């Protein structure tokens, strides 16, 4: 299934299922790992260090997983964003 959407004036076409990458930001690595384990239950994913703020207050990690449709993609985004350990999801 193909979905076309417009982001910042540019058209983006997604073909599902597809691999999607979320950048997850928190104050500590363990918080991100816990949140991802709780949200991505029984789902294969990769989680890799991305960056840390210059002050060391925040850390970001890239979460990559297979999503089967737009609803799943949005579900993972919203659920991670609402998790108490997570500060931001991009």
N, C-alpha and C. Protein backbone atom coordinates (compact mmCIF):
# COMPACT_ATOMS: atom_id res chain seq x y z
N UNK A 1 0.84 -1.17 0.00
CA UNK A 1 0.00 0.00 0.00
C UNK A 1 0.88 1.24 0.00
N UNK A 2 0.58 2.17 -0.86
CA UNK A 2 1.34 3.41 -0.94
C UNK A 2 0.52 4.55 -0.35
N UNK A 3 1.17 5.39 0.42
CA UNK A 3 0.55 6.56 1.02
C UNK A 3 1.35 7.77 0.56
N UNK A 4 0.67 8.82 0.11
CA UNK A 4 1.35 10.06 -0.27
C UNK A 4 0.92 11.13 0.72
N UNK A 5 1.90 11.83 1.28
CA UNK A 5 1.59 12.95 2.17
C UNK A 5 2.53 14.10 1.84
N UNK A 6 2.16 15.27 2.30
CA UNK A 6 2.96 16.46 2.03
C UNK A 6 3.57 16.95 3.34
N UNK A 7 4.88 17.13 3.34
CA UNK A 7 5.60 17.63 4.51
C UNK A 7 6.44 18.81 4.06
N UNK A 8 6.20 19.97 4.66
CA UNK A 8 6.92 21.20 4.33
C UNK A 8 6.92 21.48 2.82
N UNK A 9 5.78 21.24 2.19
CA UNK A 9 5.65 21.53 0.77
C UNK A 9 6.22 20.48 -0.15
N UNK A 10 6.79 19.41 0.41
CA UNK A 10 7.35 18.34 -0.42
C UNK A 10 6.50 17.08 -0.26
N UNK A 11 6.26 16.41 -1.37
CA UNK A 11 5.47 15.19 -1.32
C UNK A 11 6.37 14.01 -0.94
N UNK A 12 5.85 13.21 -0.02
CA UNK A 12 6.55 12.03 0.45
C UNK A 12 5.65 10.84 0.21
N UNK A 13 6.15 9.84 -0.49
CA UNK A 13 5.36 8.64 -0.74
C UNK A 13 5.96 7.49 0.04
N UNK A 14 5.14 6.88 0.87
CA UNK A 14 5.57 5.75 1.68
C UNK A 14 4.91 4.48 1.15
N UNK A 15 5.69 3.46 0.99
CA UNK A 15 5.20 2.16 0.57
C UNK A 15 5.27 1.24 1.79
N UNK A 16 4.11 0.77 2.25
CA UNK A 16 4.07 -0.10 3.43
C UNK A 16 4.01 -1.55 3.02
N UNK A 17 4.61 -2.43 3.81
CA UNK A 17 5.39 -2.17 5.02
C UNK A 17 6.74 -1.54 4.66
N UNK A 18 7.27 -0.76 5.61
CA UNK A 18 8.58 -0.13 5.41
C UNK A 18 9.30 0.00 6.74
N UNK A 19 10.60 0.14 6.67
CA UNK A 19 11.40 0.36 7.85
C UNK A 19 11.37 1.84 8.17
N UNK A 20 11.08 2.19 9.42
CA UNK A 20 10.97 3.58 9.84
C UNK A 20 11.94 3.83 10.97
N UNK A 21 12.54 5.00 10.98
CA UNK A 21 13.50 5.36 12.02
C UNK A 21 12.96 6.54 12.83
N UNK A 22 12.91 6.36 14.14
CA UNK A 22 12.51 7.41 15.07
C UNK A 22 13.75 7.85 15.84
N UNK A 23 13.93 9.13 16.04
CA UNK A 23 15.00 9.63 16.90
C UNK A 23 14.34 9.89 18.25
N UNK A 24 14.82 9.19 19.27
CA UNK A 24 14.22 9.25 20.60
C UNK A 24 15.18 9.97 21.54
N UNK A 25 14.69 10.99 22.25
CA UNK A 25 15.52 11.82 23.11
C UNK A 25 15.06 11.67 24.56
N UNK A 26 16.04 11.52 25.46
CA UNK A 26 15.76 11.40 26.89
C UNK A 26 16.97 11.92 27.67
N UNK A 27 16.87 11.87 28.98
CA UNK A 27 17.99 12.33 29.81
C UNK A 27 18.99 11.21 30.07
N UNK A 28 18.60 9.97 29.85
CA UNK A 28 19.55 8.86 30.04
C UNK A 28 19.23 7.70 29.10
N UNK A 29 20.27 6.97 28.76
CA UNK A 29 20.15 5.84 27.84
C UNK A 29 19.19 4.78 28.38
N UNK A 30 19.30 4.48 29.67
CA UNK A 30 18.45 3.45 30.27
C UNK A 30 16.97 3.79 30.12
N UNK A 31 16.63 5.08 30.23
CA UNK A 31 15.24 5.49 30.06
C UNK A 31 14.72 5.20 28.67
N UNK A 32 15.55 5.44 27.66
CA UNK A 32 15.16 5.14 26.28
C UNK A 32 14.99 3.64 26.11
N UNK A 33 15.95 2.87 26.62
CA UNK A 33 15.89 1.41 26.48
C UNK A 33 14.64 0.84 27.13
N UNK A 34 14.29 1.33 28.32
CA UNK A 34 13.08 0.86 29.01
C UNK A 34 11.84 1.20 28.21
N UNK A 35 11.74 2.44 27.75
CA UNK A 35 10.57 2.88 26.99
C UNK A 35 10.40 2.06 25.72
N UNK A 36 11.48 1.84 25.01
CA UNK A 36 11.39 1.08 23.75
C UNK A 36 10.99 -0.36 24.03
N UNK A 37 11.53 -0.97 25.07
CA UNK A 37 11.15 -2.35 25.41
C UNK A 37 9.66 -2.42 25.75
N UNK A 38 9.14 -1.43 26.46
CA UNK A 38 7.73 -1.43 26.85
C UNK A 38 6.80 -1.16 25.67
N UNK A 39 7.21 -0.32 24.74
CA UNK A 39 6.36 0.05 23.61
C UNK A 39 6.46 -0.95 22.46
N UNK A 40 7.64 -1.48 22.22
CA UNK A 40 7.87 -2.36 21.06
C UNK A 40 7.85 -3.83 21.47
N UNK A 41 6.93 -4.20 22.31
CA UNK A 41 6.81 -5.57 22.79
C UNK A 41 6.63 -6.52 21.62
N UNK A 42 7.39 -7.61 21.64
CA UNK A 42 7.31 -8.65 20.61
C UNK A 42 7.52 -8.12 19.19
N UNK A 43 8.32 -7.09 19.07
CA UNK A 43 8.63 -6.49 17.76
C UNK A 43 10.14 -6.45 17.61
N UNK A 44 10.65 -6.83 16.46
CA UNK A 44 12.08 -6.71 16.20
C UNK A 44 12.41 -5.25 15.92
N UNK A 45 13.49 -4.77 16.52
CA UNK A 45 13.92 -3.39 16.30
C UNK A 45 15.42 -3.30 16.54
N UNK A 46 16.00 -2.21 16.06
CA UNK A 46 17.39 -1.89 16.40
C UNK A 46 17.38 -0.54 17.10
N UNK A 47 18.25 -0.42 18.09
CA UNK A 47 18.35 0.81 18.86
C UNK A 47 19.83 1.14 18.96
N UNK A 48 20.21 2.28 18.40
CA UNK A 48 21.62 2.67 18.37
C UNK A 48 21.79 4.10 18.88
N UNK A 49 22.92 4.34 19.55
CA UNK A 49 23.25 5.68 20.02
C UNK A 49 23.33 6.63 18.84
N UNK A 50 22.78 7.82 18.99
CA UNK A 50 22.83 8.81 17.93
C UNK A 50 23.70 9.99 18.33
N UNK A 51 23.36 10.64 19.46
CA UNK A 51 24.07 11.85 19.83
C UNK A 51 23.84 12.15 21.30
N UNK A 52 24.63 13.09 21.82
CA UNK A 52 24.45 13.60 23.18
C UNK A 52 24.61 15.11 23.12
N UNK A 53 23.88 15.80 23.97
CA UNK A 53 24.00 17.26 23.99
C UNK A 53 25.38 17.64 24.52
N UNK A 54 25.83 18.85 24.20
CA UNK A 54 27.15 19.29 24.64
C UNK A 54 27.26 19.35 26.16
N UNK A 55 26.15 19.60 26.84
CA UNK A 55 26.17 19.65 28.30
C UNK A 55 26.02 18.26 28.91
N UNK A 56 25.65 17.28 28.09
CA UNK A 56 25.47 15.92 28.58
C UNK A 56 24.11 15.69 29.23
N UNK A 57 23.24 16.69 29.15
CA UNK A 57 21.92 16.58 29.78
C UNK A 57 21.00 15.64 29.01
N UNK A 58 21.13 15.61 27.69
CA UNK A 58 20.24 14.79 26.86
C UNK A 58 21.04 13.83 25.99
N UNK A 59 20.41 12.70 25.69
CA UNK A 59 20.99 11.71 24.79
C UNK A 59 19.91 11.36 23.77
N UNK A 60 20.33 11.09 22.54
CA UNK A 60 19.37 10.63 21.53
C UNK A 60 19.83 9.29 20.98
N UNK A 61 18.84 8.49 20.64
CA UNK A 61 19.10 7.18 20.05
C UNK A 61 18.17 7.01 18.86
N UNK A 62 18.63 6.26 17.86
CA UNK A 62 17.83 5.94 16.69
C UNK A 62 17.16 4.59 16.89
N UNK A 63 15.84 4.59 16.79
CA UNK A 63 15.05 3.37 16.87
C UNK A 63 14.55 3.05 15.47
N UNK A 64 14.88 1.88 14.98
CA UNK A 64 14.47 1.47 13.65
C UNK A 64 13.65 0.20 13.75
N UNK A 65 12.47 0.22 13.10
CA UNK A 65 11.62 -0.97 13.10
C UNK A 65 10.72 -0.98 11.88
N UNK A 66 10.16 -2.14 11.59
CA UNK A 66 9.28 -2.31 10.45
C UNK A 66 7.87 -1.91 10.87
N UNK A 67 7.26 -1.00 10.11
CA UNK A 67 5.86 -0.61 10.33
C UNK A 67 5.04 -1.07 9.14
N UNK A 68 3.84 -1.54 9.42
CA UNK A 68 3.02 -2.14 8.37
C UNK A 68 2.01 -1.18 7.75
N UNK A 69 1.75 -0.06 8.42
CA UNK A 69 0.80 0.91 7.88
C UNK A 69 0.95 2.24 8.63
N UNK A 70 0.22 3.24 8.16
CA UNK A 70 0.29 4.58 8.74
C UNK A 70 -0.15 4.59 10.20
N UNK A 71 -1.15 3.80 10.54
CA UNK A 71 -1.63 3.75 11.93
C UNK A 71 -0.54 3.23 12.87
N UNK A 72 0.18 2.19 12.45
CA UNK A 72 1.28 1.67 13.27
C UNK A 72 2.38 2.71 13.43
N UNK A 73 2.72 3.36 12.35
CA UNK A 73 3.78 4.38 12.39
C UNK A 73 3.42 5.48 13.37
N UNK A 74 2.18 5.94 13.32
CA UNK A 74 1.70 6.98 14.23
C UNK A 74 1.60 6.46 15.66
N UNK A 75 1.16 5.22 15.84
CA UNK A 75 1.05 4.62 17.17
C UNK A 75 2.40 4.63 17.89
N UNK A 76 3.44 4.16 17.23
CA UNK A 76 4.76 4.11 17.87
C UNK A 76 5.25 5.51 18.21
N UNK A 77 5.05 6.45 17.32
CA UNK A 77 5.45 7.84 17.58
C UNK A 77 4.73 8.40 18.80
N UNK A 78 3.41 8.31 18.82
CA UNK A 78 2.61 8.89 19.90
C UNK A 78 2.87 8.18 21.24
N UNK A 79 2.99 6.87 21.21
CA UNK A 79 3.19 6.11 22.44
C UNK A 79 4.56 6.38 23.04
N UNK A 80 5.59 6.43 22.20
CA UNK A 80 6.92 6.78 22.71
C UNK A 80 6.94 8.20 23.26
N UNK A 81 6.33 9.13 22.53
CA UNK A 81 6.31 10.53 22.94
C UNK A 81 5.62 10.71 24.29
N UNK A 82 4.63 9.89 24.59
CA UNK A 82 3.87 9.99 25.84
C UNK A 82 4.54 9.26 27.00
N UNK A 83 5.58 8.48 26.73
CA UNK A 83 6.24 7.70 27.79
C UNK A 83 6.95 8.64 28.76
N UNK A 84 6.86 8.38 30.08
CA UNK A 84 7.46 9.29 31.06
C UNK A 84 8.98 9.42 30.98
N UNK A 85 9.69 8.44 30.44
CA UNK A 85 11.16 8.51 30.32
C UNK A 85 11.61 9.34 29.11
N UNK A 86 10.69 9.58 28.18
CA UNK A 86 11.05 10.19 26.90
C UNK A 86 10.73 11.68 26.91
N UNK A 87 11.69 12.49 26.43
CA UNK A 87 11.49 13.93 26.34
C UNK A 87 10.94 14.34 24.98
N UNK A 88 11.38 13.64 23.91
CA UNK A 88 11.00 14.05 22.55
C UNK A 88 11.20 12.88 21.60
N UNK A 89 10.37 12.84 20.55
CA UNK A 89 10.52 11.85 19.48
C UNK A 89 10.45 12.61 18.16
N UNK A 90 11.41 12.35 17.30
CA UNK A 90 11.42 12.97 15.96
C UNK A 90 11.30 11.89 14.92
